[in-house]
mmCIF file of all heavy atoms, coordinates in Angstrom:
data_MODEL
# 
_entry.id   MODEL 
# 
loop_
_atom_site.group_PDB 
_atom_site.id 
_atom_site.type_symbol 
_atom_site.label_atom_id 
_atom_site.label_alt_id 
_atom_site.label_comp_id 
_atom_site.label_asym_id 
_atom_site.label_entity_id 
_atom_site.label_seq_id 
_atom_site.pdbx_PDB_ins_code 
_atom_site.Cartn_x 
_atom_site.Cartn_y 
_atom_site.Cartn_z 
_atom_site.occupancy 
_atom_site.B_iso_or_equiv 
_atom_site.pdbx_formal_charge 
_atom_site.auth_seq_id 
_atom_site.auth_comp_id 
_atom_site.auth_asym_id 
_atom_site.auth_atom_id 
_atom_site.pdbx_PDB_model_num 
ATOM 1   N N   . PHE A 1 1  ? -19.053 15.075 -87.074 1.00 0.00 ? 1  PHE A N   1 
ATOM 2   C CA  . PHE A 1 1  ? -20.147 15.871 -87.615 1.00 0.00 ? 1  PHE A CA  1 
ATOM 3   C C   . PHE A 1 1  ? -21.527 15.206 -87.473 1.00 0.00 ? 1  PHE A C   1 
ATOM 4   O O   . PHE A 1 1  ? -22.460 15.507 -88.210 1.00 0.00 ? 1  PHE A O   1 
ATOM 5   C CB  . PHE A 1 1  ? -19.866 16.107 -89.150 1.00 0.00 ? 1  PHE A CB  1 
ATOM 6   C CG  . PHE A 1 1  ? -20.529 17.401 -89.613 1.00 0.00 ? 1  PHE A CG  1 
ATOM 7   C CD1 . PHE A 1 1  ? -20.029 18.631 -89.213 1.00 0.00 ? 1  PHE A CD1 1 
ATOM 8   C CD2 . PHE A 1 1  ? -21.558 17.447 -90.451 1.00 0.00 ? 1  PHE A CD2 1 
ATOM 9   C CE1 . PHE A 1 1  ? -20.560 19.803 -89.600 1.00 0.00 ? 1  PHE A CE1 1 
ATOM 10  C CE2 . PHE A 1 1  ? -22.160 18.594 -90.873 1.00 0.00 ? 1  PHE A CE2 1 
ATOM 11  C CZ  . PHE A 1 1  ? -21.652 19.781 -90.434 1.00 0.00 ? 1  PHE A CZ  1 
ATOM 12  N N   . LYS A 1 2  ? -21.599 14.269 -86.513 1.00 0.00 ? 2  LYS A N   1 
ATOM 13  C CA  . LYS A 1 2  ? -22.876 13.686 -86.255 1.00 0.00 ? 2  LYS A CA  1 
ATOM 14  C C   . LYS A 1 2  ? -23.845 14.691 -85.591 1.00 0.00 ? 2  LYS A C   1 
ATOM 15  O O   . LYS A 1 2  ? -25.030 14.667 -85.843 1.00 0.00 ? 2  LYS A O   1 
ATOM 16  C CB  . LYS A 1 2  ? -22.772 12.435 -85.391 1.00 0.00 ? 2  LYS A CB  1 
ATOM 17  C CG  . LYS A 1 2  ? -24.010 11.796 -85.030 1.00 0.00 ? 2  LYS A CG  1 
ATOM 18  C CD  . LYS A 1 2  ? -23.916 10.546 -84.093 1.00 0.00 ? 2  LYS A CD  1 
ATOM 19  C CE  . LYS A 1 2  ? -25.122 9.858  -83.770 1.00 0.00 ? 2  LYS A CE  1 
ATOM 20  N NZ  . LYS A 1 2  ? -24.895 8.682  -82.899 1.00 0.00 ? 2  LYS A NZ  1 
ATOM 21  N N   . TYR A 1 3  ? -23.247 15.573 -84.805 1.00 0.00 ? 3  TYR A N   1 
ATOM 22  C CA  . TYR A 1 3  ? -24.082 16.615 -84.129 1.00 0.00 ? 3  TYR A CA  1 
ATOM 23  C C   . TYR A 1 3  ? -23.525 17.956 -84.566 1.00 0.00 ? 3  TYR A C   1 
ATOM 24  O O   . TYR A 1 3  ? -22.335 18.116 -84.551 1.00 0.00 ? 3  TYR A O   1 
ATOM 25  C CB  . TYR A 1 3  ? -23.953 16.561 -82.615 1.00 0.00 ? 3  TYR A CB  1 
ATOM 26  C CG  . TYR A 1 3  ? -24.333 15.200 -82.041 1.00 0.00 ? 3  TYR A CG  1 
ATOM 27  C CD1 . TYR A 1 3  ? -23.324 14.231 -81.792 1.00 0.00 ? 3  TYR A CD1 1 
ATOM 28  C CD2 . TYR A 1 3  ? -25.568 14.855 -81.775 1.00 0.00 ? 3  TYR A CD2 1 
ATOM 29  C CE1 . TYR A 1 3  ? -23.689 12.977 -81.206 1.00 0.00 ? 3  TYR A CE1 1 
ATOM 30  C CE2 . TYR A 1 3  ? -25.994 13.641 -81.292 1.00 0.00 ? 3  TYR A CE2 1 
ATOM 31  C CZ  . TYR A 1 3  ? -24.997 12.709 -81.016 1.00 0.00 ? 3  TYR A CZ  1 
ATOM 32  O OH  . TYR A 1 3  ? -25.376 11.442 -80.521 1.00 0.00 ? 3  TYR A OH  1 
ATOM 33  N N   . HIS A 1 4  ? -24.394 18.825 -84.891 1.00 0.00 ? 4  HIS A N   1 
ATOM 34  C CA  . HIS A 1 4  ? -23.963 20.114 -85.430 1.00 0.00 ? 4  HIS A CA  1 
ATOM 35  C C   . HIS A 1 4  ? -25.076 21.175 -85.187 1.00 0.00 ? 4  HIS A C   1 
ATOM 36  O O   . HIS A 1 4  ? -26.266 20.850 -84.959 1.00 0.00 ? 4  HIS A O   1 
ATOM 37  C CB  . HIS A 1 4  ? -23.571 20.122 -86.940 1.00 0.00 ? 4  HIS A CB  1 
ATOM 38  C CG  . HIS A 1 4  ? -24.636 19.509 -87.821 1.00 0.00 ? 4  HIS A CG  1 
ATOM 39  N ND1 . HIS A 1 4  ? -25.716 20.195 -88.354 1.00 0.00 ? 4  HIS A ND1 1 
ATOM 40  C CD2 . HIS A 1 4  ? -24.724 18.271 -88.224 1.00 0.00 ? 4  HIS A CD2 1 
ATOM 41  C CE1 . HIS A 1 4  ? -26.461 19.467 -89.061 1.00 0.00 ? 4  HIS A CE1 1 
ATOM 42  N NE2 . HIS A 1 4  ? -25.872 18.183 -89.049 1.00 0.00 ? 4  HIS A NE2 1 
ATOM 43  N N   . GLU A 1 5  ? -24.677 22.445 -85.239 1.00 0.00 ? 5  GLU A N   1 
ATOM 44  C CA  . GLU A 1 5  ? -25.646 23.556 -84.940 1.00 0.00 ? 5  GLU A CA  1 
ATOM 45  C C   . GLU A 1 5  ? -25.057 24.802 -85.651 1.00 0.00 ? 5  GLU A C   1 
ATOM 46  O O   . GLU A 1 5  ? -23.958 25.055 -85.696 1.00 0.00 ? 5  GLU A O   1 
ATOM 47  C CB  . GLU A 1 5  ? -25.690 23.781 -83.452 1.00 0.00 ? 5  GLU A CB  1 
ATOM 48  C CG  . GLU A 1 5  ? -26.623 24.879 -83.011 1.00 0.00 ? 5  GLU A CG  1 
ATOM 49  C CD  . GLU A 1 5  ? -26.593 25.040 -81.471 1.00 0.00 ? 5  GLU A CD  1 
ATOM 50  O OE1 . GLU A 1 5  ? -25.460 25.401 -80.994 1.00 0.00 ? 5  GLU A OE1 1 
ATOM 51  O OE2 . GLU A 1 5  ? -27.686 24.889 -80.844 1.00 0.00 ? 5  GLU A OE2 1 
ATOM 52  N N   . LEU A 1 6  ? -26.005 25.583 -86.167 1.00 0.00 ? 6  LEU A N   1 
ATOM 53  C CA  . LEU A 1 6  ? -25.773 26.897 -86.785 1.00 0.00 ? 6  LEU A CA  1 
ATOM 54  C C   . LEU A 1 6  ? -26.554 27.868 -86.112 1.00 0.00 ? 6  LEU A C   1 
ATOM 55  O O   . LEU A 1 6  ? -27.795 27.791 -85.963 1.00 0.00 ? 6  LEU A O   1 
ATOM 56  C CB  . LEU A 1 6  ? -26.017 26.784 -88.350 1.00 0.00 ? 6  LEU A CB  1 
ATOM 57  C CG  . LEU A 1 6  ? -25.877 28.111 -89.089 1.00 0.00 ? 6  LEU A CG  1 
ATOM 58  C CD1 . LEU A 1 6  ? -24.406 28.586 -89.064 1.00 0.00 ? 6  LEU A CD1 1 
ATOM 59  C CD2 . LEU A 1 6  ? -26.416 27.989 -90.521 1.00 0.00 ? 6  LEU A CD2 1 
ATOM 60  N N   . VAL A 1 7  ? -25.906 29.061 -85.709 1.00 0.00 ? 7  VAL A N   1 
ATOM 61  C CA  . VAL A 1 7  ? -26.591 30.144 -85.050 1.00 0.00 ? 7  VAL A CA  1 
ATOM 62  C C   . VAL A 1 7  ? -26.284 31.420 -85.840 1.00 0.00 ? 7  VAL A C   1 
ATOM 63  O O   . VAL A 1 7  ? -25.158 31.729 -86.093 1.00 0.00 ? 7  VAL A O   1 
ATOM 64  C CB  . VAL A 1 7  ? -26.062 30.311 -83.578 1.00 0.00 ? 7  VAL A CB  1 
ATOM 65  C CG1 . VAL A 1 7  ? -26.869 31.443 -82.911 1.00 0.00 ? 7  VAL A CG1 1 
ATOM 66  C CG2 . VAL A 1 7  ? -26.278 29.041 -82.856 1.00 0.00 ? 7  VAL A CG2 1 
ATOM 67  N N   . LEU A 1 8  ? -27.343 32.194 -86.114 1.00 0.00 ? 8  LEU A N   1 
ATOM 68  C CA  . LEU A 1 8  ? -27.234 33.555 -86.745 1.00 0.00 ? 8  LEU A CA  1 
ATOM 69  C C   . LEU A 1 8  ? -27.852 34.577 -85.773 1.00 0.00 ? 8  LEU A C   1 
ATOM 70  O O   . LEU A 1 8  ? -28.883 34.275 -85.166 1.00 0.00 ? 8  LEU A O   1 
ATOM 71  C CB  . LEU A 1 8  ? -27.947 33.555 -88.064 1.00 0.00 ? 8  LEU A CB  1 
ATOM 72  C CG  . LEU A 1 8  ? -27.501 32.581 -89.098 1.00 0.00 ? 8  LEU A CG  1 
ATOM 73  C CD1 . LEU A 1 8  ? -28.381 32.695 -90.355 1.00 0.00 ? 8  LEU A CD1 1 
ATOM 74  C CD2 . LEU A 1 8  ? -26.025 32.793 -89.541 1.00 0.00 ? 8  LEU A CD2 1 
ATOM 75  N N   . ASP A 1 9  ? -27.172 35.675 -85.636 1.00 0.00 ? 9  ASP A N   1 
ATOM 76  C CA  . ASP A 1 9  ? -27.714 36.735 -84.672 1.00 0.00 ? 9  ASP A CA  1 
ATOM 77  C C   . ASP A 1 9  ? -27.581 38.111 -85.289 1.00 0.00 ? 9  ASP A C   1 
ATOM 78  O O   . ASP A 1 9  ? -26.578 38.288 -86.071 1.00 0.00 ? 9  ASP A O   1 
ATOM 79  C CB  . ASP A 1 9  ? -27.159 36.635 -83.320 1.00 0.00 ? 9  ASP A CB  1 
ATOM 80  C CG  . ASP A 1 9  ? -25.769 37.120 -83.156 1.00 0.00 ? 9  ASP A CG  1 
ATOM 81  O OD1 . ASP A 1 9  ? -25.572 38.331 -83.038 1.00 0.00 ? 9  ASP A OD1 1 
ATOM 82  O OD2 . ASP A 1 9  ? -24.876 36.272 -83.270 1.00 0.00 ? 9  ASP A OD2 1 
ATOM 83  N N   . LEU A 1 10 ? -28.462 39.005 -85.036 1.00 0.00 ? 10 LEU A N   1 
ATOM 84  C CA  . LEU A 1 10 ? -28.513 40.359 -85.448 1.00 0.00 ? 10 LEU A CA  1 
ATOM 85  C C   . LEU A 1 10 ? -28.726 41.271 -84.338 1.00 0.00 ? 10 LEU A C   1 
ATOM 86  O O   . LEU A 1 10 ? -29.647 41.015 -83.510 1.00 0.00 ? 10 LEU A O   1 
ATOM 87  C CB  . LEU A 1 10 ? -29.544 40.555 -86.561 1.00 0.00 ? 10 LEU A CB  1 
ATOM 88  C CG  . LEU A 1 10 ? -29.873 41.994 -87.079 1.00 0.00 ? 10 LEU A CG  1 
ATOM 89  C CD1 . LEU A 1 10 ? -28.612 42.468 -87.844 1.00 0.00 ? 10 LEU A CD1 1 
ATOM 90  C CD2 . LEU A 1 10 ? -31.137 42.036 -87.895 1.00 0.00 ? 10 LEU A CD2 1 
ATOM 91  N N   . ALA A 1 11 ? -27.993 42.396 -84.260 1.00 0.00 ? 11 ALA A N   1 
ATOM 92  C CA  . ALA A 1 11 ? -28.180 43.363 -83.187 1.00 0.00 ? 11 ALA A CA  1 
ATOM 93  C C   . ALA A 1 11 ? -28.272 44.775 -83.843 1.00 0.00 ? 11 ALA A C   1 
ATOM 94  O O   . ALA A 1 11 ? -27.457 45.086 -84.727 1.00 0.00 ? 11 ALA A O   1 
ATOM 95  C CB  . ALA A 1 11 ? -27.147 43.293 -82.157 1.00 0.00 ? 11 ALA A CB  1 
ATOM 96  N N   . ILE A 1 12 ? -29.135 45.602 -83.352 1.00 0.00 ? 12 ILE A N   1 
ATOM 97  C CA  . ILE A 1 12 ? -29.286 47.006 -83.806 1.00 0.00 ? 12 ILE A CA  1 
ATOM 98  C C   . ILE A 1 12 ? -29.180 47.874 -82.603 1.00 0.00 ? 12 ILE A C   1 
ATOM 99  O O   . ILE A 1 12 ? -29.825 47.677 -81.584 1.00 0.00 ? 12 ILE A O   1 
ATOM 100 C CB  . ILE A 1 12 ? -30.673 47.225 -84.506 1.00 0.00 ? 12 ILE A CB  1 
ATOM 101 C CG1 . ILE A 1 12 ? -30.733 46.291 -85.733 1.00 0.00 ? 12 ILE A CG1 1 
ATOM 102 C CG2 . ILE A 1 12 ? -30.770 48.675 -84.899 1.00 0.00 ? 12 ILE A CG2 1 
ATOM 103 C CD1 . ILE A 1 12 ? -32.114 46.417 -86.407 1.00 0.00 ? 12 ILE A CD1 1 
ATOM 104 N N   . ARG A 1 13 ? -28.366 48.868 -82.691 1.00 0.00 ? 13 ARG A N   1 
ATOM 105 C CA  . ARG A 1 13 ? -28.127 49.904 -81.630 1.00 0.00 ? 13 ARG A CA  1 
ATOM 106 C C   . ARG A 1 13 ? -28.635 51.312 -82.118 1.00 0.00 ? 13 ARG A C   1 
ATOM 107 O O   . ARG A 1 13 ? -27.849 51.956 -82.815 1.00 0.00 ? 13 ARG A O   1 
ATOM 108 C CB  . ARG A 1 13 ? -26.667 49.965 -81.202 1.00 0.00 ? 13 ARG A CB  1 
ATOM 109 C CG  . ARG A 1 13 ? -26.102 48.544 -80.770 1.00 0.00 ? 13 ARG A CG  1 
ATOM 110 C CD  . ARG A 1 13 ? -24.559 48.582 -80.543 1.00 0.00 ? 13 ARG A CD  1 
ATOM 111 N NE  . ARG A 1 13 ? -24.063 47.313 -80.364 1.00 0.00 ? 13 ARG A NE  1 
ATOM 112 C CZ  . ARG A 1 13 ? -23.788 46.499 -81.387 1.00 0.00 ? 13 ARG A CZ  1 
ATOM 113 N NH1 . ARG A 1 13 ? -23.949 46.903 -82.641 1.00 0.00 ? 13 ARG A NH1 1 
ATOM 114 N NH2 . ARG A 1 13 ? -23.336 45.267 -81.186 1.00 0.00 ? 13 ARG A NH2 1 
ATOM 115 N N   . PRO A 1 14 ? -29.815 51.601 -81.806 1.00 0.00 ? 14 PRO A N   1 
ATOM 116 C CA  . PRO A 1 14 ? -30.407 52.934 -82.307 1.00 0.00 ? 14 PRO A CA  1 
ATOM 117 C C   . PRO A 1 14 ? -29.630 54.165 -81.993 1.00 0.00 ? 14 PRO A C   1 
ATOM 118 O O   . PRO A 1 14 ? -29.607 55.079 -82.850 1.00 0.00 ? 14 PRO A O   1 
ATOM 119 C CB  . PRO A 1 14 ? -31.722 52.969 -81.596 1.00 0.00 ? 14 PRO A CB  1 
ATOM 120 C CG  . PRO A 1 14 ? -32.081 51.553 -81.212 1.00 0.00 ? 14 PRO A CG  1 
ATOM 121 C CD  . PRO A 1 14 ? -30.760 50.945 -80.920 1.00 0.00 ? 14 PRO A CD  1 
ATOM 122 N N   . PHE A 1 15 ? -28.931 54.160 -80.843 1.00 0.00 ? 15 PHE A N   1 
ATOM 123 C CA  . PHE A 1 15 ? -28.142 55.346 -80.502 1.00 0.00 ? 15 PHE A CA  1 
ATOM 124 C C   . PHE A 1 15 ? -26.620 55.214 -80.817 1.00 0.00 ? 15 PHE A C   1 
ATOM 125 O O   . PHE A 1 15 ? -25.850 56.087 -80.515 1.00 0.00 ? 15 PHE A O   1 
ATOM 126 C CB  . PHE A 1 15 ? -28.285 55.580 -79.003 1.00 0.00 ? 15 PHE A CB  1 
ATOM 127 C CG  . PHE A 1 15 ? -29.659 55.649 -78.505 1.00 0.00 ? 15 PHE A CG  1 
ATOM 128 C CD1 . PHE A 1 15 ? -30.203 54.711 -77.593 1.00 0.00 ? 15 PHE A CD1 1 
ATOM 129 C CD2 . PHE A 1 15 ? -30.525 56.520 -79.058 1.00 0.00 ? 15 PHE A CD2 1 
ATOM 130 C CE1 . PHE A 1 15 ? -31.528 54.748 -77.141 1.00 0.00 ? 15 PHE A CE1 1 
ATOM 131 C CE2 . PHE A 1 15 ? -31.914 56.627 -78.665 1.00 0.00 ? 15 PHE A CE2 1 
ATOM 132 C CZ  . PHE A 1 15 ? -32.380 55.756 -77.720 1.00 0.00 ? 15 PHE A CZ  1 
ATOM 133 N N   . GLY A 1 16 ? -26.284 54.108 -81.385 1.00 0.00 ? 16 GLY A N   1 
ATOM 134 C CA  . GLY A 1 16 ? -24.834 53.890 -81.724 1.00 0.00 ? 16 GLY A CA  1 
ATOM 135 C C   . GLY A 1 16 ? -23.983 53.575 -80.582 1.00 0.00 ? 16 GLY A C   1 
ATOM 136 O O   . GLY A 1 16 ? -22.718 53.633 -80.614 1.00 0.00 ? 16 GLY A O   1 
ATOM 137 N N   . THR A 1 17 ? -24.617 53.242 -79.372 1.00 0.00 ? 17 THR A N   1 
ATOM 138 C CA  . THR A 1 17 ? -23.867 52.894 -78.151 1.00 0.00 ? 17 THR A CA  1 
ATOM 139 C C   . THR A 1 17 ? -24.463 51.623 -77.579 1.00 0.00 ? 17 THR A C   1 
ATOM 140 O O   . THR A 1 17 ? -25.588 51.191 -77.944 1.00 0.00 ? 17 THR A O   1 
ATOM 141 C CB  . THR A 1 17 ? -23.896 54.000 -77.141 1.00 0.00 ? 17 THR A CB  1 
ATOM 142 O OG1 . THR A 1 17 ? -25.289 54.088 -76.608 1.00 0.00 ? 17 THR A OG1 1 
ATOM 143 C CG2 . THR A 1 17 ? -23.498 55.375 -77.809 1.00 0.00 ? 17 THR A CG2 1 
ATOM 144 N N   . PRO A 1 18 ? -23.806 51.002 -76.571 1.00 0.00 ? 18 PRO A N   1 
ATOM 145 C CA  . PRO A 1 18 ? -24.363 49.836 -75.951 1.00 0.00 ? 18 PRO A CA  1 
ATOM 146 C C   . PRO A 1 18 ? -25.534 50.145 -75.003 1.00 0.00 ? 18 PRO A C   1 
ATOM 147 O O   . PRO A 1 18 ? -26.204 49.270 -74.391 1.00 0.00 ? 18 PRO A O   1 
ATOM 148 C CB  . PRO A 1 18 ? -23.250 49.232 -75.023 1.00 0.00 ? 18 PRO A CB  1 
ATOM 149 C CG  . PRO A 1 18 ? -21.988 49.823 -75.716 1.00 0.00 ? 18 PRO A CG  1 
ATOM 150 C CD  . PRO A 1 18 ? -22.380 51.183 -76.232 1.00 0.00 ? 18 PRO A CD  1 
ATOM 151 N N   . ALA A 1 19 ? -25.943 51.488 -74.925 1.00 0.00 ? 19 ALA A N   1 
ATOM 152 C CA  . ALA A 1 19 ? -27.076 51.861 -74.119 1.00 0.00 ? 19 ALA A CA  1 
ATOM 153 C C   . ALA A 1 19 ? -28.323 51.122 -74.360 1.00 0.00 ? 19 ALA A C   1 
ATOM 154 O O   . ALA A 1 19 ? -29.069 50.710 -73.433 1.00 0.00 ? 19 ALA A O   1 
ATOM 155 C CB  . ALA A 1 19 ? -27.271 53.349 -74.176 1.00 0.00 ? 19 ALA A CB  1 
ATOM 156 N N   . LEU A 1 20 ? -28.620 50.823 -75.597 1.00 0.00 ? 20 LEU A N   1 
ATOM 157 C CA  . LEU A 1 20 ? -29.780 50.039 -76.044 1.00 0.00 ? 20 LEU A CA  1 
ATOM 158 C C   . LEU A 1 20 ? -29.395 49.241 -77.216 1.00 0.00 ? 20 LEU A C   1 
ATOM 159 O O   . LEU A 1 20 ? -28.929 49.738 -78.219 1.00 0.00 ? 20 LEU A O   1 
ATOM 160 C CB  . LEU A 1 20 ? -30.910 51.000 -76.371 1.00 0.00 ? 20 LEU A CB  1 
ATOM 161 C CG  . LEU A 1 20 ? -32.227 50.336 -76.953 1.00 0.00 ? 20 LEU A CG  1 
ATOM 162 C CD1 . LEU A 1 20 ? -32.733 49.385 -75.871 1.00 0.00 ? 20 LEU A CD1 1 
ATOM 163 C CD2 . LEU A 1 20 ? -33.195 51.361 -77.372 1.00 0.00 ? 20 LEU A CD2 1 
ATOM 164 N N   . ALA A 1 21 ? -29.691 47.965 -77.133 1.00 0.00 ? 21 ALA A N   1 
ATOM 165 C CA  . ALA A 1 21 ? -29.375 47.044 -78.240 1.00 0.00 ? 21 ALA A CA  1 
ATOM 166 C C   . ALA A 1 21 ? -30.727 46.237 -78.494 1.00 0.00 ? 21 ALA A C   1 
ATOM 167 O O   . ALA A 1 21 ? -31.206 45.571 -77.566 1.00 0.00 ? 21 ALA A O   1 
ATOM 168 C CB  . ALA A 1 21 ? -28.264 46.127 -77.957 1.00 0.00 ? 21 ALA A CB  1 
ATOM 169 N N   . LEU A 1 22 ? -31.225 46.172 -79.645 1.00 0.00 ? 22 LEU A N   1 
ATOM 170 C CA  . LEU A 1 22 ? -32.334 45.310 -80.070 1.00 0.00 ? 22 LEU A CA  1 
ATOM 171 C C   . LEU A 1 22 ? -31.727 44.140 -80.759 1.00 0.00 ? 22 LEU A C   1 
ATOM 172 O O   . LEU A 1 22 ? -30.906 44.297 -81.694 1.00 0.00 ? 22 LEU A O   1 
ATOM 173 C CB  . LEU A 1 22 ? -33.337 46.002 -80.910 1.00 0.00 ? 22 LEU A CB  1 
ATOM 174 C CG  . LEU A 1 22 ? -33.840 47.372 -80.388 1.00 0.00 ? 22 LEU A CG  1 
ATOM 175 C CD1 . LEU A 1 22 ? -34.673 48.105 -81.502 1.00 0.00 ? 22 LEU A CD1 1 
ATOM 176 C CD2 . LEU A 1 22 ? -34.536 47.213 -79.072 1.00 0.00 ? 22 LEU A CD2 1 
ATOM 177 N N   . TYR A 1 23 ? -32.120 42.883 -80.439 1.00 0.00 ? 23 TYR A N   1 
ATOM 178 C CA  . TYR A 1 23 ? -31.413 41.725 -80.964 1.00 0.00 ? 23 TYR A CA  1 
ATOM 179 C C   . TYR A 1 23 ? -32.415 40.629 -81.279 1.00 0.00 ? 23 TYR A C   1 
ATOM 180 O O   . TYR A 1 23 ? -33.551 40.565 -80.801 1.00 0.00 ? 23 TYR A O   1 
ATOM 181 C CB  . TYR A 1 23 ? -30.326 41.213 -79.952 1.00 0.00 ? 23 TYR A CB  1 
ATOM 182 C CG  . TYR A 1 23 ? -30.910 40.657 -78.701 1.00 0.00 ? 23 TYR A CG  1 
ATOM 183 C CD1 . TYR A 1 23 ? -31.350 39.398 -78.568 1.00 0.00 ? 23 TYR A CD1 1 
ATOM 184 C CD2 . TYR A 1 23 ? -30.988 41.566 -77.600 1.00 0.00 ? 23 TYR A CD2 1 
ATOM 185 C CE1 . TYR A 1 23 ? -31.887 38.954 -77.372 1.00 0.00 ? 23 TYR A CE1 1 
ATOM 186 C CE2 . TYR A 1 23 ? -31.456 41.068 -76.383 1.00 0.00 ? 23 TYR A CE2 1 
ATOM 187 C CZ  . TYR A 1 23 ? -31.918 39.809 -76.266 1.00 0.00 ? 23 TYR A CZ  1 
ATOM 188 O OH  . TYR A 1 23 ? -32.462 39.356 -75.132 1.00 0.00 ? 23 TYR A OH  1 
ATOM 189 N N   . GLY A 1 24 ? -31.964 39.741 -82.164 1.00 0.00 ? 24 GLY A N   1 
ATOM 190 C CA  . GLY A 1 24 ? -32.623 38.559 -82.435 1.00 0.00 ? 24 GLY A CA  1 
ATOM 191 C C   . GLY A 1 24 ? -31.695 37.423 -82.933 1.00 0.00 ? 24 GLY A C   1 
ATOM 192 O O   . GLY A 1 24 ? -30.581 37.721 -83.402 1.00 0.00 ? 24 GLY A O   1 
ATOM 193 N N   . ASP A 1 25 ? -32.015 36.197 -82.680 1.00 0.00 ? 25 ASP A N   1 
ATOM 194 C CA  . ASP A 1 25 ? -31.238 35.154 -83.148 1.00 0.00 ? 25 ASP A CA  1 
ATOM 195 C C   . ASP A 1 25 ? -31.989 33.903 -83.669 1.00 0.00 ? 25 ASP A C   1 
ATOM 196 O O   . ASP A 1 25 ? -33.214 33.877 -83.458 1.00 0.00 ? 25 ASP A O   1 
ATOM 197 C CB  . ASP A 1 25 ? -30.172 34.648 -82.025 1.00 0.00 ? 25 ASP A CB  1 
ATOM 198 C CG  . ASP A 1 25 ? -30.907 34.392 -80.755 1.00 0.00 ? 25 ASP A CG  1 
ATOM 199 O OD1 . ASP A 1 25 ? -32.062 33.843 -80.720 1.00 0.00 ? 25 ASP A OD1 1 
ATOM 200 O OD2 . ASP A 1 25 ? -30.444 34.837 -79.645 1.00 0.00 ? 25 ASP A OD2 1 
ATOM 201 N N   . TYR A 1 26 ? -31.376 33.050 -84.466 1.00 0.00 ? 26 TYR A N   1 
ATOM 202 C CA  . TYR A 1 26 ? -32.072 32.007 -85.088 1.00 0.00 ? 26 TYR A CA  1 
ATOM 203 C C   . TYR A 1 26 ? -31.087 30.795 -85.133 1.00 0.00 ? 26 TYR A C   1 
ATOM 204 O O   . TYR A 1 26 ? -29.873 30.930 -85.431 1.00 0.00 ? 26 TYR A O   1 
ATOM 205 C CB  . TYR A 1 26 ? -32.425 32.327 -86.530 1.00 0.00 ? 26 TYR A CB  1 
ATOM 206 C CG  . TYR A 1 26 ? -33.401 31.412 -87.164 1.00 0.00 ? 26 TYR A CG  1 
ATOM 207 C CD1 . TYR A 1 26 ? -34.754 31.512 -86.867 1.00 0.00 ? 26 TYR A CD1 1 
ATOM 208 C CD2 . TYR A 1 26 ? -33.054 30.425 -88.021 1.00 0.00 ? 26 TYR A CD2 1 
ATOM 209 C CE1 . TYR A 1 26 ? -35.759 30.699 -87.401 1.00 0.00 ? 26 TYR A CE1 1 
ATOM 210 C CE2 . TYR A 1 26 ? -33.993 29.533 -88.529 1.00 0.00 ? 26 TYR A CE2 1 
ATOM 211 C CZ  . TYR A 1 26 ? -35.339 29.737 -88.234 1.00 0.00 ? 26 TYR A CZ  1 
ATOM 212 O OH  . TYR A 1 26 ? -36.290 28.812 -88.812 1.00 0.00 ? 26 TYR A OH  1 
ATOM 213 N N   . VAL A 1 27 ? -31.628 29.584 -84.728 1.00 0.00 ? 27 VAL A N   1 
ATOM 214 C CA  . VAL A 1 27 ? -30.820 28.393 -84.605 1.00 0.00 ? 27 VAL A CA  1 
ATOM 215 C C   . VAL A 1 27 ? -31.360 27.253 -85.449 1.00 0.00 ? 27 VAL A C   1 
ATOM 216 O O   . VAL A 1 27 ? -32.563 26.910 -85.404 1.00 0.00 ? 27 VAL A O   1 
ATOM 217 C CB  . VAL A 1 27 ? -30.711 27.966 -83.172 1.00 0.00 ? 27 VAL A CB  1 
ATOM 218 C CG1 . VAL A 1 27 ? -29.887 26.780 -83.020 1.00 0.00 ? 27 VAL A CG1 1 
ATOM 219 C CG2 . VAL A 1 27 ? -30.219 29.107 -82.286 1.00 0.00 ? 27 VAL A CG2 1 
# 
């Protein structure tokens, strides 16, 4: 546990399909 990392990500699909995905992540 000397080295560690936490990643959170969020994705929004306005059409409910993979055609368009808006995303963001934080580390």
